Amino acid sequence: MTSVGVVYNLKRESAEDDEPPDSCAEYDCESTVTAVADALRSYGYNVSLIEADETAYLKLLAHKPDIVFNMAEGLRGESRESHIPAILEMLNIPYTGSGVMALALTLNKPLSKQVLAYKGIPTPKFVVLDPASVCGDGPGVGGLDLQLLDGLSYPVFAKLACEGSSMGITSTSCCHDQEALFREVRRLSLMYRKPILVEEYLPGREFTVGIIGNTHPVVFPIMEINFDAVPEGHGRVYSRYFKDNLLEDKYYLCPAPMSPGLEAEIKELAFRTYRALGCRDFARVDLRLDRDGVPNVLEVNPLPGLAPGYSDYPRIAAKAGWSYTELINGILECALRRYGLEQLIARSPVHEIA
């Protein structure tokens, strides 16, 4: 029987005293880990659970599963998502999902945007600010050197440069003038003490696209984040509040209503992005339309959330006719085929993927 180690980081009940309240936003609930494990067991795999803490290396060394289903976000650092895959490669243990380089690159939004721009993939113009650039006595507004923002047009959007899961994003993240930007950058600097990405805000519709596969990836139906349905005053921002509280289907339109031409353009852009950043097995690409209706890539998530009934990726897959069990086992099958380990596949999903 093929052994699968599910490697994960669990959410804590509350943040530490010196941590931001959403510091564990990237981590998984126990119910999600259980759902993934149960889905794999239902296909006949021998599943073990391995928490990705400081002793993960020793546990993996002792256990050595045939393959790891990687859900680990990592504990700390700007390349934390690549830590467990690096250990797995050192131990010669196959694993699901993108590799070390792609995981480090995509978590670093400025670097990934530079790669996209080099590949001719539209992405909003941006600058990166260090927390130290916000002080009380420097030039510009409140110590923020406005020369750093040369070339950007308002409104702009401020977010953490190397975090995911909408950490730090609120209705104030969209800034329409210098004063608002200073307040937002200062808030992020004081709360997180990490580099901040400031990019031109795109006023159009926002979409997310799920992809599964390698040789011939399947692009799932496009999902729109429906800002027209949000409470007044929240703004057109996919914030942490939005993700945690606005869960009804009316906020998530899938398949998104659009012309066949726009659908083809968005899917092609998502596919090119998947390839350009070296994603494997599965990922999710977030896009938004600019003022001229041109799709731009905001960011890529090669470790999308897998919480059933909550996370965007399984929501999208469900609209494509994939059950949660089929999706999880489909991801595992993609990885096993990529490693040439087809003989370890317990049972193929009903959907064709390669």
Protein backbone atom coordinates (compact mmCIF):
# COMPACT_ATOMS: atom_id res chain seq x y z
CA MET A 1 0.00 0.00 0.00
CA THR A 2 1.40 3.40 -1.00
CA SER A 3 2.29 5.51 2.02
CA VAL A 4 1.47 9.23 1.91
CA GLY A 5 2.68 11.71 4.49
CA VAL A 6 0.45 14.76 4.80
CA VAL A 7 2.70 17.61 5.95
CA TYR A 8 1.01 20.73 7.30
CA ASN A 9 1.08 23.69 9.69
CA LEU A 10 -1.86 24.08 12.08
CA LYS A 11 -3.48 27.34 13.04
CA ARG A 12 -3.07 28.31 16.67
CA GLU A 13 -6.13 29.33 18.66
CA SER A 14 -4.76 32.86 18.96
CA ALA A 15 -1.71 34.85 17.93
CA GLU A 16 1.15 35.42 20.33
CA ASP A 17 1.21 38.75 22.16
CA ASP A 18 3.86 40.19 19.85
CA GLU A 19 2.25 38.91 16.62
CA PRO A 20 -0.38 40.49 14.32
CA PRO A 21 -3.86 38.99 14.75
CA ASP A 22 -3.75 37.36 11.30
CA SER A 23 -0.24 35.92 11.68
CA CYS A 24 -1.60 32.36 11.35
CA ALA A 25 -3.85 33.11 8.36
CA GLU A 26 -1.78 30.94 6.03
CA TYR A 27 -1.99 27.86 8.26
CA ASP A 28 -4.63 25.14 8.08
CA CYS A 29 -7.40 24.22 10.49
CA GLU A 30 -7.36 20.68 11.84
CA SER A 31 -10.58 20.01 9.93
CA THR A 32 -8.84 20.77 6.61
CA VAL A 33 -5.93 18.43 7.37
CA THR A 34 -8.42 15.73 8.36
CA ALA A 35 -10.42 16.26 5.16
CA VAL A 36 -7.31 15.86 2.99
CA ALA A 37 -6.22 12.74 4.89
CA ASP A 38 -9.70 11.20 4.69
CA ALA A 39 -9.87 11.88 0.94
CA LEU A 40 -6.56 10.08 0.40
CA ARG A 41 -7.53 7.16 2.65
CA SER A 42 -10.77 6.72 0.73
CA TYR A 43 -8.69 5.86 -2.36
CA GLY A 44 -6.68 3.26 -0.45
CA TYR A 45 -3.55 5.17 0.59
CA ASN A 46 -1.82 4.61 3.92
CA VAL A 47 -1.81 8.14 5.33
CA SER A 48 0.26 9.58 8.17
CA LEU A 49 0.11 13.14 9.50
CA ILE A 50 3.35 15.08 9.99
CA GLU A 51 3.29 18.59 11.42
CA ALA A 52 5.85 20.90 9.79
CA ASP A 53 7.44 22.17 12.99
CA GLU A 54 11.12 22.37 14.00
CA THR A 55 11.28 18.57 14.28
CA ALA A 56 9.83 17.92 10.81
CA TYR A 57 13.20 16.86 9.38
CA LEU A 58 13.64 14.16 12.01
CA LYS A 59 10.08 12.87 11.56
CA LEU A 60 10.47 12.69 7.79
CA LEU A 61 13.88 11.04 8.09
CA ALA A 62 12.44 8.37 10.39
CA HIS A 63 9.20 7.81 8.51
CA LYS A 64 10.21 8.21 4.82
CA PRO A 65 6.76 7.97 3.14
CA ASP A 66 6.54 7.03 -0.54
CA ILE A 67 5.35 10.57 -1.25
CA VAL A 68 4.37 13.67 0.72
CA PHE A 69 1.17 15.62 0.18
CA ASN A 70 2.61 19.03 0.95
CA MET A 71 0.39 21.62 2.64
CA ALA A 72 3.15 23.21 4.74
CA GLU A 73 3.36 27.01 4.68
CA GLY A 74 6.54 27.11 6.76
CA LEU A 75 7.22 28.75 10.08
CA ARG A 76 9.12 31.94 9.33
CA GLY A 77 11.14 33.88 6.80
CA GLU A 78 10.47 35.32 3.36
CA SER A 79 11.00 31.90 1.70
CA ARG A 80 9.19 29.84 4.36
CA GLU A 81 6.99 27.97 1.87
CA SER A 82 10.08 26.38 0.32
CA HIS A 83 11.54 25.02 3.59
CA ILE A 84 9.73 21.67 3.71
CA PRO A 85 10.20 20.98 -0.04
CA ALA A 86 13.93 21.66 0.37
CA ILE A 87 14.08 19.11 3.20
CA LEU A 88 12.12 16.61 1.12
CA GLU A 89 14.49 17.01 -1.82
CA MET A 90 17.47 16.51 0.49
CA LEU A 91 15.85 13.29 1.77
CA ASN A 92 14.87 12.22 -1.76
CA ILE A 93 11.17 12.06 -0.87
CA PRO A 94 8.74 12.93 -3.71
CA TYR A 95 6.10 15.56 -2.92
CA THR A 96 3.07 17.24 -4.41
CA GLY A 97 3.04 20.76 -5.75
CA SER A 98 5.59 23.27 -6.91
CA GLY A 99 9.30 23.02 -6.23
CA VAL A 100 11.63 24.98 -3.98
CA MET A 101 12.41 27.71 -6.51
CA ALA A 102 8.80 28.33 -7.56
CA LEU A 103 7.56 28.44 -3.96
CA ALA A 104 10.24 30.94 -2.93
CA LEU A 105 9.67 33.05 -6.03
CA THR A 106 5.89 33.27 -5.83
CA LEU A 107 5.87 34.18 -2.13
CA ASN A 108 8.12 37.12 -3.03
CA LYS A 109 5.61 39.23 -4.95
CA PRO A 110 8.10 41.83 -6.23
CA LEU A 111 10.41 39.19 -7.72
CA SER A 112 7.57 37.20 -9.26
CA LYS A 113 6.15 40.39 -10.80
CA GLN A 114 9.55 41.11 -12.36
CA VAL A 115 9.57 37.65 -13.92
CA LEU A 116 6.04 38.15 -15.24
CA ALA A 117 6.96 41.52 -16.73
CA TYR A 118 10.02 39.96 -18.39
CA LYS A 119 7.75 37.31 -19.91
CA GLY A 120 5.41 39.99 -21.26
CA ILE A 121 2.61 39.16 -18.84
CA PRO A 122 0.71 42.29 -17.70
CA THR A 123 1.00 43.09 -13.99
CA PRO A 124 0.49 46.42 -12.17
CA LYS A 125 3.46 48.78 -11.83
CA PHE A 126 4.91 48.73 -8.33
CA VAL A 127 7.58 49.80 -5.86
CA VAL A 128 8.80 48.14 -2.67
CA LEU A 129 9.13 50.06 0.59
CA ASP A 130 11.20 48.98 3.56
CA PRO A 131 9.61 49.58 6.99
CA ALA A 132 12.61 51.79 7.79
CA SER A 133 11.53 54.19 5.03
CA VAL A 134 8.62 55.32 7.21
CA CYS A 135 9.81 57.58 10.00
CA GLY A 136 8.86 60.83 11.62
CA ASP A 137 11.42 63.24 10.25
CA GLY A 138 12.24 62.23 6.69
CA PRO A 139 11.25 64.03 3.46
CA GLY A 140 7.78 63.81 1.96
CA VAL A 141 4.61 63.01 3.86
CA GLY A 142 5.14 61.94 7.45
CA GLY A 143 8.63 60.72 6.64
CA LEU A 144 7.66 58.65 3.58
CA ASP A 145 10.02 59.63 0.76
CA LEU A 146 7.65 60.33 -2.11
CA GLN A 147 10.49 60.04 -4.62
CA LEU A 148 10.26 56.30 -4.04
CA LEU A 149 6.82 56.40 -5.64
CA ASP A 150 7.86 58.13 -8.87
CA GLY A 151 6.07 56.63 -11.84
CA LEU A 152 3.03 55.34 -9.94
CA SER A 153 -0.41 56.85 -10.44
CA TYR A 154 -3.04 57.06 -7.70
CA PRO A 155 -4.98 55.22 -6.49
CA VAL A 156 -2.42 52.68 -5.30
CA PHE A 157 -2.69 49.48 -3.29
CA ALA A 158 -0.41 48.64 -0.35
CA LYS A 159 0.20 45.09 0.84
CA LEU A 160 2.91 42.94 2.37
CA ALA A 161 5.56 42.01 -0.19
CA CYS A 162 6.14 38.45 1.00
CA GLU A 163 2.92 37.17 2.55
CA GLY A 164 -0.30 35.55 1.37
CA SER A 165 -3.90 34.85 2.43
CA SER A 166 -4.70 38.59 2.33
CA MET A 167 -2.61 39.15 5.46
CA GLY A 168 -2.71 42.82 6.36
CA ILE A 169 -5.25 43.69 3.66
CA THR A 170 -8.25 45.77 4.76
CA SER A 171 -10.65 48.27 3.22
CA THR A 172 -7.93 50.92 3.76
CA SER A 173 -5.40 49.11 1.55
CA CYS A 174 -6.54 51.09 -1.49
CA CYS A 175 -5.07 54.59 -1.13
CA HIS A 176 -6.29 57.54 -3.20
CA ASP A 177 -3.72 60.12 -2.12
CA GLN A 178 -0.38 60.57 -0.38
CA GLU A 179 -1.81 61.04 3.10
CA ALA A 180 -3.85 57.84 2.88
CA LEU A 181 -0.84 55.95 1.56
CA PHE A 182 1.36 57.15 4.40
CA ARG A 183 -1.21 56.06 6.99
CA GLU A 184 -1.51 52.63 5.39
CA VAL A 185 2.22 52.08 4.96
CA ARG A 186 2.80 53.17 8.54
CA ARG A 187 0.08 50.80 9.79
CA LEU A 188 1.62 47.86 7.94
CA SER A 189 5.15 48.81 8.99
CA LEU A 190 4.31 49.04 12.68
CA MET A 191 2.19 45.88 12.72
CA TYR A 192 4.30 43.55 10.57
CA ARG A 193 7.79 45.13 10.25
CA LYS A 194 8.17 43.63 6.79
CA PRO A 195 8.70 45.05 3.27
CA ILE A 196 5.62 46.55 1.66
CA LEU A 197 4.63 46.38 -1.99
CA VAL A 198 2.83 49.44 -3.35
CA GLU A 199 1.29 48.92 -6.78
CA GLU A 200 -1.12 50.80 -8.99
CA TYR A 201 -4.69 49.90 -8.10
CA LEU A 202 -6.72 48.32 -10.89
CA PRO A 203 -10.39 49.39 -10.75
CA GLY A 204 -11.88 46.54 -12.77
CA ARG A 205 -13.36 43.14 -11.96
CA GLU A 206 -11.27 40.61 -10.02
CA PHE A 207 -10.95 36.94 -10.93
CA THR A 208 -9.16 33.83 -9.72
CA VAL A 209 -8.30 30.84 -11.87
CA GLY A 210 -7.53 27.32 -10.64
CA ILE A 211 -5.21 25.03 -12.61
CA ILE A 212 -4.35 21.34 -12.17
CA GLY A 213 -1.86 19.23 -14.11
CA ASN A 214 1.57 19.34 -15.72
CA THR A 215 1.95 18.10 -19.30
CA HIS A 216 -1.54 19.20 -20.30
CA PRO A 217 -2.90 21.27 -17.39
CA VAL A 218 -6.63 21.66 -16.90
CA VAL A 219 -7.78 25.26 -16.41
CA PHE A 220 -10.89 25.31 -14.24
CA PRO A 221 -13.80 27.74 -14.79
CA ILE A 222 -12.98 31.33 -13.89
CA MET A 223 -14.34 32.60 -10.58
CA GLU A 224 -15.14 36.28 -10.02
CA ILE A 225 -14.88 37.94 -6.62
CA ASN A 226 -18.19 39.82 -6.70
CA PHE A 227 -17.57 43.20 -5.10
CA ASP A 228 -20.98 44.45 -6.23
CA ALA A 229 -22.57 42.35 -3.46
CA VAL A 230 -20.34 43.47 -0.57
CA PRO A 231 -21.59 45.72 2.25
CA GLU A 232 -21.41 49.44 1.54
CA GLY A 233 -18.18 51.00 2.74
CA HIS A 234 -16.04 47.89 2.41
CA GLY A 235 -14.68 48.81 -1.00
CA ARG A 236 -13.56 46.63 -3.89
CA VAL A 237 -10.89 44.85 -1.86
CA TYR A 238 -10.52 41.09 -1.33
CA SER A 239 -9.59 41.57 2.30
CA ARG A 240 -9.03 39.24 5.23
CA TYR A 241 -12.49 40.29 6.49
CA PHE A 242 -14.03 39.38 3.12
CA LYS A 243 -12.48 35.90 3.15
CA ASP A 244 -13.48 35.16 6.74
CA ASN A 245 -17.00 36.57 6.76
CA LEU A 246 -18.50 36.80 3.27
CA LEU A 247 -18.88 33.13 2.40
CA GLU A 248 -22.17 32.92 0.49
CA ASP A 249 -22.15 31.99 -3.18
CA LYS A 250 -23.37 35.47 -4.17
CA TYR A 251 -19.87 36.79 -3.44
CA TYR A 252 -18.18 34.17 -5.63
CA LEU A 253 -19.48 33.89 -9.19
CA CYS A 254 -18.32 30.70 -10.91
CA PRO A 255 -18.29 30.45 -13.80
CA ALA A 256 -17.91 34.22 -13.99
CA PRO A 257 -20.23 35.91 -16.50
CA MET A 258 -18.14 37.26 -19.39
CA SER A 259 -17.70 37.18 -23.13
CA PRO A 260 -16.03 34.14 -24.73
CA GLY A 261 -13.19 36.41 -25.83
CA LEU A 262 -12.43 37.67 -22.32
CA GLU A 263 -12.72 34.15 -20.92
CA ALA A 264 -10.17 32.85 -23.41
CA GLU A 265 -7.84 35.77 -22.70
CA ILE A 266 -7.94 35.27 -18.92
CA LYS A 267 -7.45 31.51 -19.14
CA GLU A 268 -4.52 31.90 -21.52
CA LEU A 269 -2.93 34.50 -19.25
CA ALA A 270 -3.36 32.25 -16.21
CA PHE A 271 -1.81 29.32 -18.09
CA ARG A 272 1.17 31.42 -19.24
CA THR A 273 1.68 32.60 -15.66
CA TYR A 274 1.56 29.02 -14.36
CA ARG A 275 4.31 28.09 -16.81
CA ALA A 276 6.39 31.25 -16.39
CA LEU A 277 6.73 30.82 -12.62
CA GLY A 278 7.40 27.09 -12.77
CA CYS A 279 4.25 25.89 -11.03
CA ARG A 280 3.60 22.15 -10.82
CA ASP A 281 0.58 19.92 -10.16
CA PHE A 282 -1.79 22.70 -9.05
CA ALA A 283 -1.98 26.42 -8.36
CA ARG A 284 -4.31 29.41 -8.39
CA VAL A 285 -3.75 32.66 -10.33
CA ASP A 286 -5.36 35.95 -9.26
CA LEU A 287 -6.10 38.58 -11.92
CA ARG A 288 -7.85 41.92 -12.25
CA LEU A 289 -8.97 44.14 -15.12
CA ASP A 290 -7.36 47.56 -15.50
CA ARG A 291 -9.25 50.72 -16.43
CA ASP A 292 -9.15 49.65 -20.10
CA GLY A 293 -10.50 46.18 -19.38
CA VAL A 294 -7.14 44.46 -19.90
CA PRO A 295 -6.49 41.49 -17.55
CA ASN A 296 -3.44 41.86 -15.29
CA VAL A 297 -1.93 39.22 -13.02
CA LEU A 298 -1.92 40.24 -9.36
CA GLU A 299 -0.20 37.21 -7.87
CA VAL A 300 0.08 33.42 -7.95
CA ASN A 301 -0.58 30.94 -5.17
CA PRO A 302 1.15 27.56 -5.72
CA LEU A 303 -0.14 26.37 -2.31
CA PRO A 304 -3.79 27.42 -2.49
CA GLY A 305 -6.01 26.73 0.48
CA LEU A 306 -7.81 23.39 0.45
CA ALA A 307 -10.45 23.93 3.14
CA PRO A 308 -13.60 22.22 1.81
CA GLY A 309 -16.51 24.59 1.29
CA TYR A 310 -14.36 27.62 2.12
CA SER A 311 -11.17 27.95 0.07
CA ASP A 312 -11.34 29.34 -3.47
CA TYR A 313 -9.54 26.44 -5.14
CA PRO A 314 -11.91 23.61 -4.08
CA ARG A 315 -14.88 25.95 -4.69
CA ILE A 316 -13.73 26.40 -8.29
CA ALA A 317 -13.02 22.70 -8.79
CA ALA A 318 -16.50 21.84 -7.52
CA LYS A 319 -18.02 24.10 -10.18
CA ALA A 320 -16.02 22.11 -12.75
CA GLY A 321 -17.61 18.89 -11.49
CA TRP A 322 -14.79 17.68 -9.25
CA SER A 323 -15.71 16.34 -5.84
CA TYR A 324 -13.35 17.22 -3.00
CA THR A 325 -12.10 13.63 -2.87
CA GLU A 326 -11.42 13.63 -6.62
CA LEU A 327 -9.55 16.93 -6.37
CA ILE A 328 -7.20 15.85 -3.57
CA ASN A 329 -6.45 12.52 -5.22
CA GLY A 330 -6.06 14.25 -8.58
CA ILE A 331 -3.33 16.47 -7.13
CA LEU A 332 -1.56 13.41 -5.73
CA GLU A 333 -1.87 11.57 -9.05
CA CYS A 334 -0.32 14.55 -10.89
CA ALA A 335 2.71 14.39 -8.61
CA LEU A 336 3.10 10.61 -8.85
CA ARG A 337 2.97 10.76 -12.66
CA ARG A 338 5.47 13.63 -12.71
CA TYR A 339 7.94 11.50 -10.74
CA GLY A 340 7.29 8.47 -12.97
CA LEU A 341 5.66 6.62 -10.07
CA GLU A 342 2.44 5.61 -11.79
CA GLN A 343 2.66 2.19 -10.15
CA LEU A 344 1.99 3.86 -6.78
CA ILE A 345 -1.34 5.33 -7.89
CA ALA A 346 -3.98 3.53 -5.84
CA ARG A 347 -6.92 4.49 -8.00
CA SER A 348 -7.19 7.05 -10.78
CA PRO A 349 -9.70 9.91 -10.44
CA VAL A 350 -12.55 10.02 -12.92
CA HIS A 351 -11.17 13.19 -14.56
CA GLU A 352 -8.38 13.05 -17.13
CA ILE A 353 -5.27 14.97 -16.09
CA ALA A 354 -1.64 14.81 -17.13
